[in-house]
Structure formats: structure tokens, C-alpha cells
């Protein structure tokens, strides 16, 4: 236990300031909260390259829109994003997404235009956060001794198996898919 009046222990953080999840807490994290991470895990090919690298950014943006909608931070009304609560979420990447959803003047962006909008560093932000959390590892090298190359190795095979199981459950059609499974399946399908 802790001593009365002693400060609560700090949860370790990755470089972006996002608190790492303890194993017990990780078990209770919903699939919506890990939607972007699951897409990255599913995109890592056995040879360490990322599948559908161009489309992956759209999938990650879509995952952020779904997560913010599930958290009742945004809604999509007649195709346009309506920000319901612009307060910080505590997730650096999600907060950045929420800030870009604010329309200029009275015109909110359409969901389609927002997902298609180029956001520099989006994929890299997820990769860096996941590497810092130990879910994946970057293996850097050179091709022909001249061209830098990064390959990714999945370090948490259990998380990858969970993500694949969610897709398999939807693909097998064995019962109704829940919202998290449907979101992951739809985004995975959209990025290829």
C-alpha cells in the first residue's frame, strides 16, 4: 500500500506524454480506444513493411473520427462534422484530430473531406507511440548502403491476434458484430 498523504505513483508515459496502460488496465480498454493501433498492427506485413501505406493515413483519420463520435465529442450531421465537446481528451493524437475538425466560421468540414485531408506525421505519430509502448519495434537499415529503410516488427503478438480475431469474427458472420468490430472491419476494408 501507500502511506497516507503520499503522492500517488505516476504512471509511466511514452514520449508524447500519453500514459502507458498497465496490464490490468489494458484488459479493460475498449476496441474503440485501440482502433488506430489495431489498424497499424494489421498493416504490418510479415516482411516488416506496412501494407497500404497511402491509404493507412485515411484509415487512421477515420479511426479518430469514429473514436471521437463514440466518445460523444463529435457528431456527423448531414455529412458535416459537428464538434460537441472540444475539451482535450488526454490523447495527443486524438486532441490534434479534434482541433482540425473545427470549421472556419460557421462551415464545419464534411466527414469525407476531413478524413481525406492530409495531416503530416499522422502515421508516424501512431508508429512512434506504439514503438515507445513496446507494441512494435523499428528496425532501421540501409538499402544498397545508401537508402534508409525502416521495417516494423510486431512485439505484442497477443494484441495482433486480438485484432485479427475481431476481423475474423466479422468475416465469418457468426452473429452480429458489435460497433467496435464493425468499425475495425470497415476501416481495414477501406484501406485494403
C-alpha atoms as a PDB file:
ATOM      1  CA  UNK A   1       0.000   0.000   0.000  1.00  0.00           C
ATOM      2  CA  UNK A   2       0.900   3.609   0.071  1.00  0.00           C
ATOM      3  CA  UNK A   3       1.435   5.883   3.000  1.00  0.00           C
ATOM      4  CA  UNK A   4      -1.322   8.355   3.909  1.00  0.00           C
ATOM      5  CA  UNK A   5      -0.599  11.719   2.342  1.00  0.00           C
ATOM      6  CA  UNK A   6       1.973  10.257  -0.047  1.00  0.00           C
ATOM      7  CA  UNK A   7       1.516  11.311  -3.662  1.00  0.00           C
ATOM      8  CA  UNK A   8       0.004   8.717  -5.959  1.00  0.00           C
ATOM      9  CA  UNK A   9       2.594   6.950  -8.077  1.00  0.00           C
ATOM     10  CA  UNK A  10       2.926   8.359 -11.582  1.00  0.00           C
ATOM     11  CA  UNK A  11       2.027   6.086 -14.453  1.00  0.00           C
ATOM     12  CA  UNK A  12       4.922   5.793 -16.916  1.00  0.00           C
ATOM     13  CA  UNK A  13       4.476   7.805 -20.074  1.00  0.00           C
ATOM     14  CA  UNK A  14       5.677   7.442 -23.620  1.00  0.00           C
ATOM     15  CA  UNK A  15       7.493  10.441 -25.153  1.00  0.00           C
ATOM     16  CA  UNK A  16       4.263  12.078 -26.362  1.00  0.00           C
ATOM     17  CA  UNK A  17       3.015  12.242 -22.761  1.00  0.00           C
ATOM     18  CA  UNK A  18       0.348   9.558 -23.164  1.00  0.00           C
ATOM     19  CA  UNK A  19       0.247   7.322 -20.087  1.00  0.00           C
ATOM     20  CA  UNK A  20       1.113   3.684 -20.700  1.00  0.00           C
ATOM     21  CA  UNK A  21      -1.575   1.220 -19.746  1.00  0.00           C
ATOM     22  CA  UNK A  22      -0.880  -1.284 -17.007  1.00  0.00           C
ATOM     23  CA  UNK A  23      -1.634  -4.917 -17.970  1.00  0.00           C
ATOM     24  CA  UNK A  24      -4.763  -4.865 -15.790  1.00  0.00           C
ATOM     25  CA  UNK A  25      -5.951  -1.591 -17.295  1.00  0.00           C
ATOM     26  CA  UNK A  26      -5.115  -2.765 -20.806  1.00  0.00           C
ATOM     27  CA  UNK A  27      -7.548  -5.660 -20.417  1.00  0.00           C
ATOM     28  CA  UNK A  28     -10.406  -3.208 -19.914  1.00  0.00           C
ATOM     29  CA  UNK A  29      -9.518  -0.869 -22.784  1.00  0.00           C
ATOM     30  CA  UNK A  30     -12.239  -0.957 -25.380  1.00  0.00           C
ATOM     31  CA  UNK A  31     -11.534  -1.733 -29.002  1.00  0.00           C
ATOM     32  CA  UNK A  32     -12.615   1.787 -29.924  1.00  0.00           C
ATOM     33  CA  UNK A  33      -9.737   3.202 -27.904  1.00  0.00           C
ATOM     34  CA  UNK A  34      -7.246   0.984 -29.727  1.00  0.00           C
ATOM     35  CA  UNK A  35      -8.769   1.259 -33.192  1.00  0.00           C
ATOM     36  CA  UNK A  36      -5.833   3.153 -34.735  1.00  0.00           C
ATOM     37  CA  UNK A  37      -3.280   0.873 -33.085  1.00  0.00           C
ATOM     38  CA  UNK A  38      -5.162  -2.189 -34.328  1.00  0.00           C
ATOM     39  CA  UNK A  39      -5.079  -0.825 -37.890  1.00  0.00           C
ATOM     40  CA  UNK A  40      -1.307  -0.341 -37.655  1.00  0.00           C
ATOM     41  CA  UNK A  41      -0.816  -3.863 -36.260  1.00  0.00           C
ATOM     42  CA  UNK A  42      -2.900  -5.322 -39.085  1.00  0.00           C
ATOM     43  CA  UNK A  43      -0.944  -3.276 -41.659  1.00  0.00           C
ATOM     44  CA  UNK A  44       2.478  -4.673 -40.659  1.00  0.00           C
ATOM     45  CA  UNK A  45       3.359  -7.333 -43.223  1.00  0.00           C
ATOM     46  CA  UNK A  46       5.491 -10.386 -42.303  1.00  0.00           C
ATOM     47  CA  UNK A  47       8.469  -8.759 -44.092  1.00  0.00           C
ATOM     48  CA  UNK A  48       8.153  -5.679 -41.831  1.00  0.00           C
ATOM     49  CA  UNK A  49       6.795  -3.265 -44.405  1.00  0.00           C
ATOM     50  CA  UNK A  50       3.453  -1.516 -43.990  1.00  0.00           C
ATOM     51  CA  UNK A  51       0.619  -2.529 -46.289  1.00  0.00           C
ATOM     52  CA  UNK A  52      -1.409   0.201 -47.979  1.00  0.00           C
ATOM     53  CA  UNK A  53       0.827   2.979 -46.663  1.00  0.00           C
ATOM     54  CA  UNK A  54      -1.003   5.694 -48.598  1.00  0.00           C
ATOM     55  CA  UNK A  55      -4.444   4.503 -47.519  1.00  0.00           C
ATOM     56  CA  UNK A  56      -3.349   3.882 -43.922  1.00  0.00           C
ATOM     57  CA  UNK A  57      -3.496   7.589 -43.151  1.00  0.00           C
ATOM     58  CA  UNK A  58      -7.137   7.634 -44.248  1.00  0.00           C
ATOM     59  CA  UNK A  59      -7.862   4.634 -42.031  1.00  0.00           C
ATOM     60  CA  UNK A  60      -6.192   6.306 -39.051  1.00  0.00           C
ATOM     61  CA  UNK A  61      -8.118   9.539 -39.637  1.00  0.00           C
ATOM     62  CA  UNK A  62     -11.318   7.513 -39.923  1.00  0.00           C
ATOM     63  CA  UNK A  63     -10.477   5.714 -36.671  1.00  0.00           C
ATOM     64  CA  UNK A  64     -10.081   9.055 -34.933  1.00  0.00           C
ATOM     65  CA  UNK A  65     -13.445  10.255 -36.243  1.00  0.00           C
ATOM     66  CA  UNK A  66     -15.092   7.020 -35.048  1.00  0.00           C
ATOM     67  CA  UNK A  67     -13.422   7.257 -31.607  1.00  0.00           C
ATOM     68  CA  UNK A  68     -14.428  10.902 -31.157  1.00  0.00           C
ATOM     69  CA  UNK A  69     -18.001  10.120 -32.223  1.00  0.00           C
ATOM     70  CA  UNK A  70     -18.161   7.134 -29.847  1.00  0.00           C
ATOM     71  CA  UNK A  71     -16.942   9.403 -27.039  1.00  0.00           C
ATOM     72  CA  UNK A  72     -19.683  11.935 -27.962  1.00  0.00           C
ATOM     73  CA  UNK A  73     -17.046  14.591 -28.724  1.00  0.00           C
ATOM     74  CA  UNK A  74     -18.287  14.974 -32.304  1.00  0.00           C
ATOM     75  CA  UNK A  75     -21.290  14.032 -34.364  1.00  0.00           C
ATOM     76  CA  UNK A  76     -21.831  13.869 -38.103  1.00  0.00           C
ATOM     77  CA  UNK A  77     -24.905  15.851 -39.103  1.00  0.00           C
ATOM     78  CA  UNK A  78     -25.946  15.877 -42.767  1.00  0.00           C
ATOM     79  CA  UNK A  79     -22.428  14.740 -43.667  1.00  0.00           C
ATOM     80  CA  UNK A  80     -20.706  17.518 -41.719  1.00  0.00           C
ATOM     81  CA  UNK A  81     -18.694  17.137 -38.531  1.00  0.00           C
ATOM     82  CA  UNK A  82     -20.215  18.963 -35.569  1.00  0.00           C
ATOM     83  CA  UNK A  83     -17.880  19.358 -32.597  1.00  0.00           C
ATOM     84  CA  UNK A  84     -19.883  18.748 -29.435  1.00  0.00           C
ATOM     85  CA  UNK A  85     -17.041  18.985 -26.899  1.00  0.00           C
ATOM     86  CA  UNK A  86     -13.675  20.492 -27.873  1.00  0.00           C
ATOM     87  CA  UNK A  87     -12.028  19.858 -24.478  1.00  0.00           C
ATOM     88  CA  UNK A  88      -8.748  17.928 -24.516  1.00  0.00           C
ATOM     89  CA  UNK A  89      -9.108  14.153 -24.443  1.00  0.00           C
ATOM     90  CA  UNK A  90      -5.708  13.397 -22.911  1.00  0.00           C
ATOM     91  CA  UNK A  91      -4.558  11.635 -26.083  1.00  0.00           C
ATOM     92  CA  UNK A  92      -2.149  13.847 -28.058  1.00  0.00           C
ATOM     93  CA  UNK A  93      -3.070  12.379 -31.451  1.00  0.00           C
ATOM     94  CA  UNK A  94      -6.809  12.489 -30.785  1.00  0.00           C
ATOM     95  CA  UNK A  95      -6.554  16.060 -29.479  1.00  0.00           C
ATOM     96  CA  UNK A  96      -4.760  17.101 -32.683  1.00  0.00           C
ATOM     97  CA  UNK A  97      -7.529  15.475 -34.727  1.00  0.00           C
ATOM     98  CA  UNK A  98     -10.231  17.242 -32.727  1.00  0.00           C
ATOM     99  CA  UNK A  99      -8.565  20.618 -33.252  1.00  0.00           C
ATOM    100  CA  UNK A 100      -8.564  20.151 -37.027  1.00  0.00           C
ATOM    101  CA  UNK A 101     -12.305  19.453 -37.003  1.00  0.00           C
ATOM    102  CA  UNK A 102     -13.180  22.997 -36.016  1.00  0.00           C
ATOM    103  CA  UNK A 103     -14.638  24.671 -39.075  1.00  0.00           C
ATOM    104  CA  UNK A 104     -13.702  28.147 -40.187  1.00  0.00           C
ATOM    105  CA  UNK A 105     -16.633  30.413 -39.461  1.00  0.00           C
ATOM    106  CA  UNK A 106     -19.933  28.565 -39.455  1.00  0.00           C
ATOM    107  CA  UNK A 107     -18.835  25.949 -42.009  1.00  0.00           C
ATOM    108  CA  UNK A 108     -17.850  22.604 -40.481  1.00  0.00           C
ATOM    109  CA  UNK A 109     -15.839  20.198 -42.670  1.00  0.00           C
ATOM    110  CA  UNK A 110     -17.590  17.225 -44.216  1.00  0.00           C
ATOM    111  CA  UNK A 111     -16.569  13.893 -42.730  1.00  0.00           C
ATOM    112  CA  UNK A 112     -15.289  12.722 -46.122  1.00  0.00           C
ATOM    113  CA  UNK A 113     -13.182  15.852 -46.686  1.00  0.00           C
ATOM    114  CA  UNK A 114     -11.782  15.698 -43.152  1.00  0.00           C
ATOM    115  CA  UNK A 115     -10.713  12.040 -43.478  1.00  0.00           C
ATOM    116  CA  UNK A 116      -9.120  12.775 -46.869  1.00  0.00           C
ATOM    117  CA  UNK A 117      -7.273  15.843 -45.577  1.00  0.00           C
ATOM    118  CA  UNK A 118      -3.515  15.380 -45.394  1.00  0.00           C
ATOM    119  CA  UNK A 119      -2.237  15.580 -41.835  1.00  0.00           C
ATOM    120  CA  UNK A 120       1.544  15.459 -41.773  1.00  0.00           C
ATOM    121  CA  UNK A 121       3.023  12.926 -39.433  1.00  0.00           C
ATOM    122  CA  UNK A 122      -0.219  11.086 -38.662  1.00  0.00           C
ATOM    123  CA  UNK A 123       1.049   7.578 -39.455  1.00  0.00           C
ATOM    124  CA  UNK A 124       4.446   8.349 -37.936  1.00  0.00           C
ATOM    125  CA  UNK A 125       2.783   9.592 -34.750  1.00  0.00           C
ATOM    126  CA  UNK A 126       0.998   6.281 -34.283  1.00  0.00           C
ATOM    127  CA  UNK A 127       4.128   4.279 -35.155  1.00  0.00           C
ATOM    128  CA  UNK A 128       6.256   6.280 -32.699  1.00  0.00           C
ATOM    129  CA  UNK A 129       3.724   5.955 -29.890  1.00  0.00           C
ATOM    130  CA  UNK A 130       3.326   2.226 -30.450  1.00  0.00           C
ATOM    131  CA  UNK A 131       7.106   1.708 -30.575  1.00  0.00           C
ATOM    132  CA  UNK A 132       7.540   3.655 -27.333  1.00  0.00           C
ATOM    133  CA  UNK A 133       4.852   1.480 -25.720  1.00  0.00           C
ATOM    134  CA  UNK A 134       6.590  -1.709 -26.879  1.00  0.00           C
ATOM    135  CA  UNK A 135       3.839  -2.861 -29.264  1.00  0.00           C
ATOM    136  CA  UNK A 136       6.108  -2.647 -32.304  1.00  0.00           C
ATOM    137  CA  UNK A 137       9.809  -2.103 -32.911  1.00  0.00           C
ATOM    138  CA  UNK A 138      11.505  -0.150 -35.677  1.00  0.00           C
ATOM    139  CA  UNK A 139      14.359  -1.961 -37.389  1.00  0.00           C
ATOM    140  CA  UNK A 140      16.326   0.625 -39.320  1.00  0.00           C
ATOM    141  CA  UNK A 141      18.832  -0.198 -42.033  1.00  0.00           C
ATOM    142  CA  UNK A 142      20.130   0.822 -45.433  1.00  0.00           C
ATOM    143  CA  UNK A 143      19.319  -0.497 -48.891  1.00  0.00           C
ATOM    144  CA  UNK A 144      22.403  -0.662 -51.116  1.00  0.00           C
ATOM    145  CA  UNK A 145      24.191   1.221 -48.356  1.00  0.00           C
ATOM    146  CA  UNK A 146      22.511   4.448 -49.497  1.00  0.00           C
ATOM    147  CA  UNK A 147      18.773   4.456 -48.957  1.00  0.00           C
ATOM    148  CA  UNK A 148      17.430   4.442 -45.398  1.00  0.00           C
ATOM    149  CA  UNK A 149      14.774   1.820 -44.737  1.00  0.00           C
ATOM    150  CA  UNK A 150      12.602   1.066 -41.733  1.00  0.00           C
ATOM    151  CA  UNK A 151      10.926  -2.255 -41.153  1.00  0.00           C
ATOM    152  CA  UNK A 152       8.488  -2.854 -38.321  1.00  0.00           C
ATOM    153  CA  UNK A 153       8.318  -5.880 -36.063  1.00  0.00           C
ATOM    154  CA  UNK A 154       5.204  -6.593 -34.011  1.00  0.00           C
ATOM    155  CA  UNK A 155       6.343  -7.168 -30.423  1.00  0.00           C
ATOM    156  CA  UNK A 156       2.925  -7.853 -28.893  1.00  0.00           C
ATOM    157  CA  UNK A 157       1.681 -10.958 -30.713  1.00  0.00           C
ATOM    158  CA  UNK A 158      -1.308 -11.157 -28.351  1.00  0.00           C
ATOM    159  CA  UNK A 159      -2.582  -7.711 -29.409  1.00  0.00           C
ATOM    160  CA  UNK A 160      -2.119  -8.635 -33.071  1.00  0.00           C
ATOM    161  CA  UNK A 161      -4.055 -11.880 -32.502  1.00  0.00           C
ATOM    162  CA  UNK A 162      -6.883  -9.906 -30.843  1.00  0.00           C
ATOM    163  CA  UNK A 163      -7.082  -7.508 -33.791  1.00  0.00           C
ATOM    164  CA  UNK A 164      -7.152 -10.402 -36.263  1.00  0.00           C
ATOM    165  CA  UNK A 165      -9.808 -12.192 -34.180  1.00  0.00           C
ATOM    166  CA  UNK A 166     -12.056  -9.104 -34.372  1.00  0.00           C
ATOM    167  CA  UNK A 167     -11.804  -9.128 -38.166  1.00  0.00           C
ATOM    168  CA  UNK A 168     -12.312 -12.878 -38.326  1.00  0.00           C
ATOM    169  CA  UNK A 169     -15.477 -12.605 -36.228  1.00  0.00           C
ATOM    170  CA  UNK A 170     -16.956 -10.129 -38.694  1.00  0.00           C
ATOM    171  CA  UNK A 171     -15.778 -12.055 -41.757  1.00  0.00           C
ATOM    172  CA  UNK A 172     -17.174 -15.360 -40.505  1.00  0.00           C
ATOM    173  CA  UNK A 173     -20.558 -13.770 -39.927  1.00  0.00           C
ATOM    174  CA  UNK A 174     -21.025 -15.767 -36.724  1.00  0.00           C
ATOM    175  CA  UNK A 175     -23.504 -13.425 -35.087  1.00  0.00           C
ATOM    176  CA  UNK A 176     -23.974  -9.705 -35.088  1.00  0.00           C
ATOM    177  CA  UNK A 177     -20.790  -7.626 -34.998  1.00  0.00           C
ATOM    178  CA  UNK A 178     -20.543  -5.072 -32.226  1.00  0.00           C
ATOM    179  CA  UNK A 179     -19.730  -1.430 -33.008  1.00  0.00           C
ATOM    180  CA  UNK A 180     -16.008  -1.874 -32.360  1.00  0.00           C
ATOM    181  CA  UNK A 181     -15.728  -4.923 -34.632  1.00  0.00           C
ATOM    182  CA  UNK A 182     -17.741  -3.234 -37.346  1.00  0.00           C
ATOM    183  CA  UNK A 183     -15.593  -0.078 -37.172  1.00  0.00           C
ATOM    184  CA  UNK A 184     -12.340  -2.030 -37.356  1.00  0.00           C
ATOM    185  CA  UNK A 185     -13.618  -4.218 -40.200  1.00  0.00           C
ATOM    186  CA  UNK A 186     -14.898  -1.231 -42.164  1.00  0.00           C
ATOM    187  CA  UNK A 187     -11.684   0.726 -41.776  1.00  0.00           C
ATOM    188  CA  UNK A 188      -9.493  -2.300 -42.559  1.00  0.00           C
ATOM    189  CA  UNK A 189     -11.561  -2.977 -45.678  1.00  0.00           C
ATOM    190  CA  UNK A 190     -11.332   0.674 -46.760  1.00  0.00           C
ATOM    191  CA  UNK A 191      -7.532   0.736 -46.582  1.00  0.00           C
ATOM    192  CA  UNK A 192      -7.162  -2.626 -48.299  1.00  0.00           C
END
